[in-house]
């Protein structure tokens, strides 16, 4: 907080924060576009995301993981931002709020945590830094201490708490 004193003018005051952008909820698409393809002879899928942030973006994951995840959790997935410039694919169903066992999750069950069955003390790292690449070779489950070391050694990686 900046207090205007006789020696300063209101023009010297620190700039105020821009107003927070609130995005209204967008209905999730229960039947997203799913494109199957091969990557290094391994069956993969590219799935269209829903929601205000996810519209027009796709996630990539192993075909087997998609078949299990869509059958178990549904096919509507969205993109959520954690407010620090990191985006994550999250479950689109309220029933999943506790499924990922994420501390301070506010009801977000991220797909990376669900795929790796991460426990509350573990974090998921995206090896290439792309949170939309949910292929098994890109996901790594670590303890918080290991993740801190990983983060220092691999600045491009993304860590999901």
Protein backbone atom coordinates (compact mmCIF):
# COMPACT_ATOMS: atom_id res chain seq x y z
CA UNK A 1 0.00 0.00 0.00
CA UNK A 2 1.34 3.41 -0.92
CA UNK A 3 0.46 6.35 1.28
CA UNK A 4 0.52 9.80 -0.24
CA UNK A 5 2.54 12.16 1.95
CA UNK A 6 3.04 15.91 1.61
CA UNK A 7 6.33 15.15 -0.20
CA UNK A 8 4.68 12.85 -2.77
CA UNK A 9 1.79 13.24 -5.16
CA UNK A 10 -0.94 10.81 -6.15
CA UNK A 11 0.91 10.39 -9.47
CA UNK A 12 3.80 8.77 -7.52
CA UNK A 13 1.49 6.09 -6.15
CA UNK A 14 2.23 2.50 -7.11
CA UNK A 15 0.13 1.31 -10.03
CA UNK A 16 -2.88 -0.73 -9.05
CA UNK A 17 -3.35 -4.30 -10.21
CA UNK A 18 -5.38 -4.83 -13.34
CA UNK A 19 -8.83 -6.21 -12.60
CA UNK A 20 -8.96 -9.97 -12.37
CA UNK A 21 -10.38 -11.60 -15.46
CA UNK A 22 -13.22 -13.90 -14.56
CA UNK A 23 -14.15 -16.41 -17.20
CA UNK A 24 -17.72 -17.64 -17.01
CA UNK A 25 -18.20 -21.40 -16.92
CA UNK A 26 -18.42 -23.01 -20.35
CA UNK A 27 -20.27 -26.29 -20.82
CA UNK A 28 -17.95 -29.21 -21.44
CA UNK A 29 -18.25 -31.23 -24.62
CA UNK A 30 -19.15 -34.82 -23.65
CA UNK A 31 -18.14 -36.03 -27.14
CA UNK A 32 -14.78 -34.43 -27.96
CA UNK A 33 -12.94 -34.90 -31.23
CA UNK A 34 -10.65 -37.92 -30.88
CA UNK A 35 -8.00 -38.62 -33.52
CA UNK A 36 -6.03 -41.86 -33.36
CA UNK A 37 -2.49 -42.04 -34.75
CA UNK A 38 0.86 -43.81 -34.30
CA UNK A 39 3.92 -42.25 -32.67
CA UNK A 40 7.01 -44.43 -32.84
CA UNK A 41 4.72 -47.39 -33.68
CA UNK A 42 2.72 -46.81 -30.49
CA UNK A 43 -1.04 -46.12 -30.68
CA UNK A 44 -1.80 -42.57 -29.48
CA UNK A 45 -4.82 -40.27 -29.40
CA UNK A 46 -5.25 -36.54 -29.76
CA UNK A 47 -8.34 -35.36 -27.86
CA UNK A 48 -10.00 -31.96 -28.12
CA UNK A 49 -10.45 -30.15 -24.81
CA UNK A 50 -13.50 -28.21 -23.64
CA UNK A 51 -14.18 -25.16 -21.53
CA UNK A 52 -13.19 -21.51 -21.73
CA UNK A 53 -9.43 -22.15 -21.63
CA UNK A 54 -9.38 -25.53 -23.38
CA UNK A 55 -11.46 -24.74 -26.47
CA UNK A 56 -9.35 -25.24 -29.58
CA UNK A 57 -6.56 -27.10 -27.74
CA UNK A 58 -5.77 -30.81 -27.80
CA UNK A 59 -4.10 -33.20 -25.42
CA UNK A 60 -2.08 -36.22 -26.53
CA UNK A 61 -1.95 -39.47 -24.63
CA UNK A 62 -1.48 -43.18 -25.13
CA UNK A 63 -4.55 -44.79 -26.73
CA UNK A 64 -4.75 -47.37 -23.94
CA UNK A 65 -4.76 -44.64 -21.26
CA UNK A 66 -7.50 -42.73 -23.14
CA UNK A 67 -9.65 -45.85 -23.41
CA UNK A 68 -9.38 -46.47 -19.65
CA UNK A 69 -9.71 -42.80 -18.60
CA UNK A 70 -12.70 -42.07 -20.83
CA UNK A 71 -14.49 -45.24 -19.68
CA UNK A 72 -13.73 -44.64 -16.00
CA UNK A 73 -13.93 -40.83 -15.73
CA UNK A 74 -15.79 -39.70 -18.86
CA UNK A 75 -14.62 -38.03 -22.04
CA UNK A 76 -15.17 -34.37 -21.09
CA UNK A 77 -11.84 -32.80 -20.11
CA UNK A 78 -10.90 -29.16 -19.80
CA UNK A 79 -7.86 -27.00 -19.30
CA UNK A 80 -7.36 -25.13 -16.02
CA UNK A 81 -4.77 -22.51 -15.16
CA UNK A 82 -3.19 -22.43 -11.72
CA UNK A 83 -2.75 -18.66 -11.96
CA UNK A 84 1.05 -18.76 -12.31
CA UNK A 85 1.20 -19.46 -16.02
CA UNK A 86 0.83 -23.21 -15.79
CA UNK A 87 -2.09 -25.00 -17.38
CA UNK A 88 -3.23 -28.55 -16.65
CA UNK A 89 -5.77 -30.96 -18.10
CA UNK A 90 -8.40 -31.65 -15.49
CA UNK A 91 -11.43 -33.83 -15.07
CA UNK A 92 -14.68 -32.38 -16.24
CA UNK A 93 -16.90 -34.20 -13.78
CA UNK A 94 -17.71 -33.05 -10.26
CA UNK A 95 -17.66 -36.70 -9.15
CA UNK A 96 -13.88 -36.68 -9.59
CA UNK A 97 -13.18 -33.95 -7.04
CA UNK A 98 -11.49 -36.30 -4.62
CA UNK A 99 -10.27 -38.88 -7.13
CA UNK A 100 -6.78 -37.45 -7.59
CA UNK A 101 -6.18 -36.98 -3.85
CA UNK A 102 -4.58 -33.61 -4.50
CA UNK A 103 -3.83 -31.38 -1.53
CA UNK A 104 -5.48 -27.96 -1.86
CA UNK A 105 -7.07 -29.20 -5.09
CA UNK A 106 -10.32 -27.21 -4.92
CA UNK A 107 -11.90 -30.09 -6.79
CA UNK A 108 -9.45 -30.39 -9.66
CA UNK A 109 -8.52 -33.93 -10.60
CA UNK A 110 -5.69 -33.52 -13.11
CA UNK A 111 -5.36 -36.26 -15.68
CA UNK A 112 -1.62 -36.66 -15.11
CA UNK A 113 -2.23 -37.51 -11.45
CA UNK A 114 -5.04 -39.91 -12.33
CA UNK A 115 -2.95 -41.71 -14.96
CA UNK A 116 -0.01 -42.21 -12.60
CA UNK A 117 -2.17 -42.80 -9.51
CA UNK A 118 -0.16 -40.17 -7.61
CA UNK A 119 -0.52 -40.12 -3.83
CA UNK A 120 -0.94 -36.85 -1.87
CA UNK A 121 2.81 -36.54 -1.15
CA UNK A 122 3.81 -37.06 -4.77
CA UNK A 123 3.97 -34.71 -7.73
CA UNK A 124 3.76 -35.32 -11.47
CA UNK A 125 6.43 -33.88 -13.76
CA UNK A 126 6.00 -33.28 -17.50
CA UNK A 127 9.46 -34.14 -18.81
CA UNK A 128 9.18 -31.93 -21.91
CA UNK A 129 7.36 -29.11 -20.09
CA UNK A 130 4.17 -29.57 -22.13
CA UNK A 131 1.20 -30.29 -19.86
CA UNK A 132 -0.89 -31.22 -22.92
CA UNK A 133 1.46 -34.13 -23.69
CA UNK A 134 0.15 -36.84 -21.36
CA UNK A 135 1.98 -39.71 -23.03
CA UNK A 136 3.57 -42.16 -20.58
CA UNK A 137 7.16 -41.35 -21.59
CA UNK A 138 6.48 -37.67 -20.76
CA UNK A 139 5.06 -38.29 -17.27
CA UNK A 140 7.16 -38.87 -14.17
CA UNK A 141 5.92 -39.35 -10.59
CA UNK A 142 8.29 -38.04 -7.90
CA UNK A 143 8.35 -37.14 -4.23
CA UNK A 144 8.29 -33.39 -3.47
CA UNK A 145 12.03 -33.42 -2.67
CA UNK A 146 12.87 -35.25 -5.89
CA UNK A 147 10.66 -32.85 -7.84
CA UNK A 148 12.51 -29.85 -6.39
CA UNK A 149 15.80 -31.32 -7.56
CA UNK A 150 14.28 -32.16 -10.94
CA UNK A 151 12.99 -28.60 -11.31
CA UNK A 152 16.48 -27.16 -10.73
CA UNK A 153 18.07 -29.57 -13.20
CA UNK A 154 15.36 -29.33 -15.88
CA UNK A 155 13.99 -25.80 -16.00
CA UNK A 156 11.73 -26.60 -18.95
CA UNK A 157 9.84 -29.29 -16.99
CA UNK A 158 6.49 -28.62 -15.41
CA UNK A 159 5.62 -29.93 -11.99
CA UNK A 160 2.06 -30.61 -10.81
CA UNK A 161 1.62 -30.38 -7.06
